[in-house]
């Protein structure tokens, strides 16, 4: 992923990437970074968090 794309993401600028190597790299990086926090949650906490996320607008 390019530094430009990462800077845009940090500033809150979003655009949908088509399927391909760049999107795959971003998805894998996101999964790796999220694994730690998810691992410490109980099953009930994960379900609560998912329900809260699903309730967000947009």
Protein backbone atom coordinates (compact mmCIF):
# COMPACT_ATOMS: atom_id res chain seq x y z
CA UNK A 1 0.00 0.00 0.00
CA UNK A 2 1.34 3.39 -0.88
CA UNK A 3 2.10 6.05 1.71
CA UNK A 4 -0.38 8.34 -0.07
CA UNK A 5 -3.24 5.90 0.46
CA UNK A 6 -2.32 5.47 4.13
CA UNK A 7 -2.15 9.26 4.66
CA UNK A 8 -5.57 9.68 3.05
CA UNK A 9 -7.01 7.00 5.30
CA UNK A 10 -5.57 8.70 8.38
CA UNK A 11 -7.20 11.98 7.33
CA UNK A 12 -10.56 10.25 7.00
CA UNK A 13 -10.61 10.25 3.19
CA UNK A 14 -12.07 7.01 1.92
CA UNK A 15 -12.53 5.47 -1.48
CA UNK A 16 -13.44 1.95 -2.39
CA UNK A 17 -10.67 -0.06 -3.99
CA UNK A 18 -11.46 -2.66 -6.60
CA UNK A 19 -10.47 -6.24 -5.90
CA UNK A 20 -6.80 -6.73 -6.54
CA UNK A 21 -3.36 -6.87 -4.89
CA UNK A 22 -3.58 -3.46 -3.20
CA UNK A 23 -6.96 -4.20 -1.63
CA UNK A 24 -5.79 -7.66 -0.56
CA UNK A 25 -2.72 -6.15 1.13
CA UNK A 26 -4.90 -3.66 3.01
CA UNK A 27 -7.33 -6.37 4.10
CA UNK A 28 -4.50 -8.58 5.38
CA UNK A 29 -2.88 -5.69 7.25
CA UNK A 30 -6.21 -4.81 8.85
CA UNK A 31 -6.79 -8.42 9.90
CA UNK A 32 -3.29 -8.65 11.46
CA UNK A 33 -3.70 -5.39 13.37
CA UNK A 34 -7.16 -6.30 14.67
CA UNK A 35 -6.25 -9.82 15.78
CA UNK A 36 -4.73 -8.78 19.14
CA UNK A 37 -7.64 -6.73 20.44
CA UNK A 38 -10.20 -9.31 19.30
CA UNK A 39 -8.24 -12.12 20.96
CA UNK A 40 -8.65 -10.62 24.44
CA UNK A 41 -12.43 -10.22 24.16
CA UNK A 42 -14.75 -12.88 25.46
CA UNK A 43 -17.33 -14.35 23.09
CA UNK A 44 -20.02 -12.22 24.74
CA UNK A 45 -17.91 -9.06 24.38
CA UNK A 46 -17.29 -9.82 20.69
CA UNK A 47 -21.02 -10.24 20.06
CA UNK A 48 -21.77 -7.00 21.89
CA UNK A 49 -19.15 -5.15 19.88
CA UNK A 50 -20.43 -6.58 16.60
CA UNK A 51 -23.98 -5.56 17.49
CA UNK A 52 -22.78 -2.06 18.33
CA UNK A 53 -20.90 -1.82 15.03
CA UNK A 54 -23.94 -3.06 13.11
CA UNK A 55 -26.03 -0.32 14.74
CA UNK A 56 -23.75 2.48 13.48
CA UNK A 57 -25.22 4.64 10.72
CA UNK A 58 -23.87 4.30 7.21
